[in-house]
Protein backbone atom coordinates (compact mmCIF):
# COMPACT_ATOMS: atom_id res chain seq x y z
CA MET A 1 130.63 85.12 106.85
CA VAL A 2 130.82 87.57 103.96
CA ALA A 3 130.07 84.77 101.50
CA GLN A 4 127.01 83.74 103.54
CA GLU A 5 125.74 87.31 103.65
CA THR A 6 126.20 87.60 99.90
CA TYR A 7 124.30 84.32 99.40
CA ASP A 8 121.47 85.46 101.67
CA ALA A 9 121.22 88.81 99.88
CA GLN A 10 121.08 87.04 96.52
CA GLY A 11 118.37 84.74 97.84
CA ARG A 12 116.31 87.69 99.03
CA GLY A 13 116.75 89.37 95.67
CA ASP A 14 115.59 86.23 93.84
CA ALA A 15 112.58 85.94 96.13
CA GLN A 16 111.64 89.55 95.55
CA ASP A 17 111.91 89.07 91.78
CA THR A 18 109.72 85.95 91.93
CA ALA A 19 107.11 87.76 94.03
CA ARG A 20 107.19 90.72 91.65
CA ARG A 21 106.64 88.45 88.64
CA LEU A 22 103.79 86.64 90.39
CA ARG A 23 102.13 89.98 91.15
CA ALA A 24 102.50 90.88 87.46
CA ILE A 25 100.81 87.60 86.52
CA SER A 26 98.00 88.39 88.93
CA ALA A 27 97.51 91.84 87.42
CA GLU A 28 97.54 90.51 83.84
CA LEU A 29 94.95 87.83 84.58
CA SER A 30 92.78 90.26 86.53
CA ASP A 31 92.73 92.55 83.48
CA ARG A 32 91.75 89.64 81.24
CA PHE A 33 89.14 88.01 83.48
CA TYR A 34 86.57 90.54 84.62
CA GLU A 35 85.55 90.57 88.30
CA ARG A 36 88.10 87.89 89.18
CA ASP A 37 90.82 89.90 90.98
CA ASP A 38 90.35 88.17 94.32
CA VAL A 39 89.99 84.76 92.66
CA VAL A 40 93.29 85.10 90.79
CA ARG A 41 95.20 86.30 93.84
CA THR A 42 93.76 83.58 96.05
CA LEU A 43 94.67 80.85 93.56
CA LEU A 44 98.25 82.14 93.42
CA VAL A 45 98.48 82.27 97.22
CA THR A 46 97.18 78.70 97.43
CA LEU A 47 99.80 77.42 94.99
CA LEU A 48 102.55 79.27 96.86
CA ALA A 49 101.42 77.55 100.05
CA GLY A 50 101.60 74.15 98.30
CA GLN A 51 97.88 73.59 98.84
CA HIS A 52 94.87 72.73 96.68
CA SER A 53 91.92 74.94 95.77
CA LEU A 54 88.34 74.52 94.61
CA VAL A 55 86.66 76.97 92.24
CA LEU A 56 82.92 76.53 92.75
CA GLY A 57 80.40 78.03 90.36
CA PRO A 58 77.92 77.45 87.53
CA PRO A 59 78.96 76.47 84.00
CA GLY A 60 80.27 79.25 81.78
CA THR A 61 82.06 81.28 84.46
CA ALA A 62 85.56 80.79 82.96
CA LYS A 63 86.71 78.41 85.70
CA SER A 64 88.61 76.14 83.31
CA GLU A 65 89.99 78.95 81.16
CA LEU A 66 91.29 80.83 84.19
CA ALA A 67 92.90 77.72 85.67
CA ARG A 68 94.63 76.87 82.38
CA GLU A 69 95.88 80.41 81.86
CA LEU A 70 97.27 80.60 85.39
CA THR A 71 98.96 77.20 85.39
CA GLY A 72 100.41 77.92 81.95
CA ARG A 73 102.51 80.75 83.40
CA PHE A 74 105.05 78.39 85.01
CA GLU A 75 107.88 77.65 82.57
CA GLY A 76 109.24 74.13 82.72
CA ALA A 77 106.41 72.83 84.89
CA ALA A 78 104.68 69.66 83.79
CA TYR A 79 100.94 70.38 83.53
CA TRP A 80 98.13 67.84 83.66
CA GLU A 81 94.40 68.31 83.44
CA ILE A 82 91.40 66.01 83.35
CA LEU A 83 87.60 66.17 83.30
CA LEU A 84 86.37 63.53 85.71
CA SER A 85 83.27 61.41 85.47
CA LYS A 86 81.92 58.55 87.58
CA PHE A 87 83.45 56.17 85.02
CA THR A 88 87.00 57.58 85.08
CA ALA A 89 89.41 54.73 85.81
CA PRO A 90 92.50 55.26 88.00
CA THR A 91 94.78 54.25 85.13
CA ARG A 92 93.45 57.10 82.99
CA MET A 93 94.50 59.54 85.70
CA PHE A 94 97.77 58.04 86.87
CA GLY A 95 99.09 55.96 83.99
CA PRO A 96 97.60 53.59 81.39
CA ILE A 97 98.82 50.05 80.92
CA ASP A 98 101.79 49.73 78.56
CA VAL A 99 100.21 47.56 75.84
CA ALA A 100 103.52 46.76 74.16
CA ALA A 101 105.01 45.56 77.43
CA LEU A 102 101.86 43.56 78.18
CA ALA A 103 102.29 41.74 74.86
CA ARG A 104 105.71 40.64 76.12
CA GLY A 105 104.20 39.39 79.36
CA GLU A 106 105.20 42.45 81.40
CA TYR A 107 102.65 44.45 83.38
CA ARG A 108 103.61 48.08 83.75
CA GLN A 109 102.12 51.55 83.40
CA VAL A 110 103.08 54.59 81.35
CA TYR A 111 103.29 57.60 83.65
CA ASP A 112 104.48 60.36 81.30
CA GLY A 113 101.88 63.06 80.80
CA ARG A 114 99.72 61.85 83.67
CA ALA A 115 99.07 63.03 87.22
CA THR A 116 102.07 61.10 88.50
CA THR A 117 104.53 63.40 86.69
CA ALA A 118 102.68 66.75 87.00
CA HIS A 119 103.92 69.76 88.95
CA VAL A 120 100.62 71.62 88.63
CA ALA A 121 97.23 70.12 87.88
CA PHE A 122 93.72 71.13 86.97
CA ILE A 123 90.98 68.64 87.87
CA ASP A 124 87.56 69.58 86.52
CA GLU A 125 84.35 68.19 88.04
CA ILE A 126 86.39 66.90 90.96
CA PHE A 127 83.36 65.54 92.84
CA LYS A 128 82.49 63.20 89.98
CA CYS A 129 85.56 61.15 90.89
CA SER A 130 84.72 57.47 90.52
CA THR A 131 84.66 55.16 93.50
CA ALA A 132 87.45 53.14 91.89
CA ALA A 133 89.72 56.20 91.71
CA LEU A 134 88.76 57.71 95.07
CA ASN A 135 91.52 56.29 97.28
CA GLU A 136 94.26 57.01 94.77
CA THR A 137 92.97 60.57 94.28
CA LEU A 138 92.95 61.15 98.04
CA GLY A 139 96.50 59.82 98.32
CA TYR A 140 97.57 61.99 95.43
CA LEU A 141 96.13 65.17 96.95
CA ASN A 142 97.08 64.37 100.55
CA GLU A 143 100.49 62.81 100.33
CA ARG A 144 101.51 63.26 96.68
CA ILE A 145 101.85 59.50 96.20
CA TYR A 146 100.41 56.91 93.83
CA HIS A 147 100.29 53.17 94.40
CA PRO A 148 100.94 51.35 91.10
CA GLU A 149 98.37 48.83 89.88
CA SER A 150 101.00 46.12 89.94
CA GLY A 151 101.93 46.81 93.57
CA GLY A 152 105.41 47.71 94.70
CA GLU A 153 106.73 50.91 96.19
CA PRO A 154 104.48 54.01 96.03
CA ILE A 155 105.48 56.59 93.44
CA ARG A 156 106.33 60.03 94.80
CA CYS A 157 104.58 62.65 92.66
CA PRO A 158 106.11 66.13 92.16
CA LEU A 159 102.76 67.89 92.52
CA ILE A 160 103.05 71.41 93.96
CA GLY A 161 99.34 72.14 93.98
CA ALA A 162 96.09 71.35 92.21
CA ILE A 163 93.32 73.67 91.12
CA THR A 164 90.00 71.85 91.05
CA ALA A 165 86.60 72.99 89.81
CA SER A 166 83.00 71.98 90.20
CA ASN A 167 79.53 73.21 89.31
CA GLU A 168 78.09 71.78 92.52
CA LEU A 169 78.91 70.78 96.07
CA PRO A 170 79.63 67.14 96.96
CA ASP A 171 76.55 65.04 97.66
CA GLY A 172 78.00 61.87 99.15
CA GLU A 173 80.53 60.64 101.69
CA ASP A 174 83.07 59.72 99.02
CA SER A 175 83.13 63.16 97.39
CA ALA A 176 82.94 64.83 100.82
CA ALA A 177 86.27 63.21 101.67
CA ILE A 178 87.84 64.96 98.67
CA TYR A 179 86.10 68.23 99.55
CA ASP A 180 87.73 68.16 102.97
CA ARG A 181 91.19 67.97 101.35
CA LEU A 182 90.68 71.18 99.37
CA LEU A 183 91.91 73.87 101.75
CA VAL A 184 90.72 76.88 99.74
CA ARG A 185 87.19 77.19 98.37
CA ILE A 186 86.32 80.07 96.08
CA GLU A 187 82.85 80.90 94.80
CA VAL A 188 82.47 82.45 91.34
CA GLY A 189 79.35 83.62 89.55
CA TYR A 190 78.29 85.29 86.34
CA LEU A 191 79.39 88.87 85.70
CA GLU A 192 77.42 91.35 87.80
CA ASP A 193 78.47 94.72 86.37
CA PRO A 194 76.66 95.38 83.05
CA SER A 195 79.65 97.40 81.81
CA ASN A 196 81.90 94.39 82.33
CA PHE A 197 79.37 92.24 80.49
CA ALA A 198 79.38 94.75 77.62
CA ALA A 199 83.19 94.57 77.53
CA LEU A 200 82.94 90.77 77.40
CA VAL A 201 80.58 90.96 74.43
CA ARG A 202 82.87 93.41 72.64
CA SER A 203 85.82 91.05 73.18
CA ALA A 204 84.00 88.43 71.11
CA VAL A 205 83.96 90.62 68.00
CA ARG A 206 87.18 92.61 68.34
CA ARG A 207 90.64 91.29 67.68
CA PRO A 208 92.37 91.68 71.04
CA ALA A 209 95.88 93.05 71.33
CA PRO A 210 98.46 90.40 72.28
CA PRO A 211 98.26 90.23 76.08
CA GLU A 212 101.21 90.69 78.39
CA ARG A 213 102.45 87.29 79.46
CA THR A 214 104.74 87.28 82.47
CA THR A 215 106.03 83.86 83.49
CA VAL A 216 107.86 82.26 86.41
CA THR A 217 110.23 79.32 86.09
CA LEU A 218 109.53 76.03 87.81
CA ASP A 219 112.71 76.37 89.86
CA ALA A 220 111.66 79.82 91.08
CA LEU A 221 108.21 78.54 92.00
CA ARG A 222 109.67 75.58 93.87
CA GLN A 223 112.08 77.83 95.75
CA ALA A 224 109.21 80.09 96.73
CA VAL A 225 107.09 77.18 97.96
CA THR A 226 109.84 75.33 99.85
CA GLY A 227 112.01 78.25 100.98
CA GLY A 228 110.58 81.70 100.53
CA VAL A 229 107.09 81.18 101.93
CA PRO A 230 108.11 79.14 105.03
CA ALA A 231 110.71 81.84 105.85
CA VAL A 232 108.00 84.50 106.26
CA GLU A 233 107.68 85.42 109.92
CA VAL A 234 104.39 84.91 111.78
CA PRO A 235 104.34 87.46 114.65
CA ASP A 236 102.71 86.70 117.99
CA ALA A 237 100.07 89.33 117.24
CA ILE A 238 98.93 87.28 114.24
CA VAL A 239 98.77 84.10 116.32
CA ASP A 240 96.62 85.99 118.84
CA ALA A 241 94.38 87.27 116.03
CA VAL A 242 93.89 83.74 114.68
CA CYS A 243 92.93 82.53 118.16
CA THR A 244 90.47 85.42 118.48
CA LEU A 245 88.96 84.58 115.10
CA ARG A 246 88.57 80.92 116.02
CA ALA A 247 86.72 81.86 119.22
CA ALA A 248 84.43 84.26 117.32
CA LEU A 249 83.55 81.61 114.74
CA ARG A 250 82.92 78.98 117.41
CA ARG A 251 80.41 81.33 119.03
CA ARG A 252 78.58 81.24 115.70
CA GLU A 253 78.89 77.42 115.66
CA LEU A 254 81.26 77.58 112.69
CA ILE A 255 83.83 74.90 113.48
CA ALA A 256 86.94 74.18 111.41
CA SER A 257 89.33 71.31 112.13
CA ASP A 258 92.68 71.85 113.81
CA ARG A 259 94.32 70.55 110.64
CA ARG A 260 92.59 73.22 108.54
CA TRP A 261 93.68 75.99 110.93
CA ARG A 262 97.27 74.73 110.91
CA GLN A 263 97.41 74.54 107.11
CA ALA A 264 95.93 78.04 106.91
CA VAL A 265 99.08 79.47 108.48
CA GLY A 266 100.94 78.64 105.26
CA LEU A 267 98.36 80.65 103.33
CA LEU A 268 99.02 83.67 105.53
CA GLN A 269 102.75 83.34 104.87
CA ALA A 270 102.13 82.94 101.13
CA SER A 271 99.96 86.06 101.07
CA ALA A 272 102.72 88.10 102.71
CA TYR A 273 105.34 86.60 100.36
CA LEU A 274 103.26 87.52 97.30
CA ASP A 275 103.09 91.12 98.53
CA GLY A 276 106.87 91.16 99.11
CA ARG A 277 106.66 91.41 102.90
CA PRO A 278 108.94 89.54 105.35
CA ALA A 279 106.22 89.01 107.97
CA VAL A 280 102.51 88.24 108.04
CA ALA A 281 100.27 91.25 108.70
CA GLU A 282 96.62 91.52 109.67
CA THR A 283 95.66 92.22 106.07
CA ASP A 284 96.76 88.68 105.14
CA LEU A 285 94.02 87.23 107.33
CA SER A 286 91.49 88.12 104.62
CA VAL A 287 92.46 84.95 102.70
CA LEU A 288 90.82 82.95 105.50
CA THR A 289 87.40 83.95 104.14
CA HIS A 290 87.97 81.19 101.57
CA VAL A 291 89.08 78.56 104.10
CA LEU A 292 86.79 78.44 107.12
CA TRP A 293 83.37 77.59 105.66
CA ASP A 294 81.84 74.30 104.57
CA SER A 295 78.74 75.52 102.74
CA PRO A 296 78.31 78.73 100.73
CA ALA A 297 75.59 79.79 103.18
CA GLN A 298 78.27 80.05 105.88
CA ARG A 299 80.65 82.19 103.84
CA PRO A 300 79.09 85.63 104.58
CA ALA A 301 79.29 85.00 108.34
CA VAL A 302 82.92 83.90 108.04
CA GLU A 303 83.77 86.88 105.86
CA ARG A 304 82.18 89.28 108.34
CA GLU A 305 84.15 87.88 111.29
CA VAL A 306 87.41 87.87 109.34
CA LEU A 307 87.03 91.39 108.02
CA HIS A 308 86.01 92.78 111.39
CA LEU A 309 89.29 91.45 112.72
CA VAL A 310 91.38 92.57 109.76
CA ASN A 311 90.15 96.09 109.27
CA PRO A 312 88.25 98.54 111.48
CA ASP A 313 86.75 100.04 108.32
CA ALA A 314 85.27 96.68 107.32
CA LYS A 315 82.26 96.75 109.65
CA GLU A 316 80.81 99.89 108.08
CA ALA A 317 81.70 98.68 104.58
CA LEU A 318 79.88 95.39 105.23
CA ASP A 319 76.88 97.26 106.63
CA LEU A 320 76.81 99.24 103.40
CA ALA A 321 77.06 95.95 101.52
CA ASP A 322 73.88 94.81 103.28
CA THR A 323 72.13 97.97 102.07
CA ILE A 324 73.32 97.35 98.53
CA GLU A 325 72.19 93.71 98.59
CA GLU A 326 68.77 94.81 99.87
CA LEU A 327 68.37 97.21 96.94
CA GLU A 328 69.37 94.52 94.46
CA ALA A 329 66.83 92.14 96.00
CA GLN A 330 64.16 94.83 95.58
CA LEU A 331 65.16 95.26 91.94
CA ASP A 332 64.85 91.50 91.36
CA ALA A 333 61.42 91.47 93.06
CA MET A 334 60.17 94.24 90.73
CA ALA A 335 60.83 92.23 87.58
CA GLY A 336 57.94 92.62 85.14
CA GLN A 337 56.68 95.90 86.54
CA SER A 338 56.18 98.92 84.34
CA ARG A 339 58.95 101.33 83.49
CA GLU A 340 57.03 104.04 85.35
CA ALA A 341 56.96 102.00 88.56
CA LEU A 342 60.65 101.20 88.24
CA SER A 343 61.55 104.84 87.59
CA GLU A 344 59.59 105.93 90.66
CA TRP A 345 61.43 103.37 92.79
CA VAL A 346 64.77 104.62 91.48
CA ILE A 347 63.92 108.26 92.19
CA LYS A 348 62.46 107.67 95.66
CA LYS A 349 64.78 104.96 96.95
CA ALA A 350 67.56 103.44 94.92
CA HIS A 351 69.38 106.43 93.48
CA ASN A 352 69.99 108.33 96.71
CA ARG A 353 70.86 105.24 98.77
CA LEU A 354 73.31 103.95 96.17
CA ALA A 355 74.89 107.38 95.73
CA MET A 356 75.31 107.80 99.49
CA ALA A 357 76.80 104.31 99.78
CA GLY A 358 79.27 105.07 97.00
CA LYS A 359 80.30 108.36 98.59
CA ARG A 360 80.82 106.77 102.02
CA LEU A 361 82.80 103.88 100.54
CA ALA A 362 85.10 106.37 98.82
CA GLU A 363 85.62 108.11 102.17
CA LEU A 364 86.30 104.82 103.93
CA ARG A 365 88.81 103.85 101.26
CA ALA A 366 90.65 107.15 101.60
CA GLU A 367 90.78 106.76 105.39
CA ALA A 368 92.04 103.17 105.16
CA ALA A 369 94.66 104.01 102.54
CA GLY A 370 95.84 106.99 104.54
CA ALA A 371 96.30 104.80 107.60
CA GLY A 372 98.17 102.13 105.62
CA ARG A 373 95.37 99.58 106.00
CA SER A 374 94.17 97.17 103.35
CA THR A 375 91.39 98.45 101.10
CA ALA A 376 90.52 95.03 99.67
CA ALA A 377 87.23 94.64 101.56
CA ILE A 378 86.13 98.18 100.75
CA ASP A 379 87.08 97.71 97.10
CA ARG A 380 85.01 94.53 96.96
CA VAL A 381 81.94 96.29 98.35
CA THR A 382 82.56 99.22 95.99
CA GLY A 383 82.54 96.77 93.10
CA ARG A 384 79.14 95.50 94.25
CA GLN A 385 77.87 99.07 94.55
CA ARG A 386 78.98 99.82 90.99
CA ALA A 387 77.41 96.61 89.70
CA VAL A 388 74.06 97.21 91.40
CA ARG A 389 73.96 100.84 90.31
CA ALA A 390 74.71 99.78 86.74
CA ARG A 391 71.88 97.24 86.92
CA VAL A 392 69.51 99.92 88.19
CA LEU A 393 70.45 102.26 85.35
CA THR A 394 70.15 99.63 82.62
CA GLU A 395 67.21 97.55 83.86
CA ALA A 396 65.11 100.15 85.66
CA LEU A 397 65.85 103.25 83.58
CA GLY A 398 66.66 101.58 80.26
CA MET A 399 70.04 103.25 79.74
CA ASP A 400 72.51 101.69 77.29
CA ALA A 401 75.51 99.91 78.78
CA SER A 402 77.95 102.31 77.10
CA MET A 403 76.13 105.29 78.63
CA VAL A 404 76.21 103.62 82.04
CA GLN A 405 79.94 103.01 81.78
CA ALA A 406 80.54 106.64 80.87
CA GLN A 407 78.39 107.88 83.75
CA LEU A 408 80.03 105.63 86.34
CA SER A 409 83.51 106.55 85.09
CA SER A 410 82.81 110.27 85.25
CA ALA A 411 81.39 109.90 88.76
CA GLN A 412 84.52 107.89 89.75
CA LEU A 413 82.41 105.36 91.65
């Protein structure tokens, strides 16, 4: 009995250390990749749940760089990546023909360094998967198996999870089948905050200091995925909340499959594990904003329903987000107008509304933090408020980016 208790205590200590290191990785990558905090955390949660993710966004948004940097943090893990095209043959993905063996009359494939031996994978332009490779790719993602070209027993692949990326949504039945297998879908765009863009430009001409590089061993990651995450408790209150969310989305005609809902439970457990908690809490439900939509047009409605359920402060924060988006749309519509007209708009409308939104968001954040509630949704809206205000100052008033950064920092917005 004493030995078992000692073993359990050691296991909990190891799990806490793994979670702590994963949080450190998340913080390091968030510092390096501007405006990607939620993306980094969601990718980590997805891997911990043993699921696959899609990063959807235009070219030049650091999708590949972020995926490589994240997957490179797992020591001892075999990594595989590929850029797909409609001509990619299955053997290029899963194992080319052994030419030397073929010369001896033997038909076999070389699997080392291919998808069949990878623990983590990055698949770029996933929806350009060729028709020839479609079935094998589906089997690889779904069941972690590959059927050799020569026949015989399927090969069990050690894949923990894949990060995929695309510049566009699927446009055919074949690619839609792959899209359905990607549990988590994350949208990324170009940098919104001009001060972050200025920092990006500076990083191109300054020699950066060597970044912190926390890592996690493959064994620790496996233990987290197979032992630590499934051990996280899912209270009845969370089950009730999920049922309530499903009903709310169905009223909006947003329907997700039973399979997707069931798999999402593992994401909730992984989110709690990453935060070092033994049980799922309402704050973990926020990860579902990346799970329950099919098209980007549906995402805001899903996010609103999820955040209303997660946090009583979210409704007002999202209402403020609508105000901020309206102001940004007005700024876009005024492109080409004179500086005088833009300045008048700032004085009469934008400045006061943005300042009031920023003040109220700060109050909401203080209230949520004081009550022990998650501030993630409020922080996200605050980030949008900062970005739009910075755009107003630079584009409408002509202020330099460095001056904008100093003003926003001194105002603590």
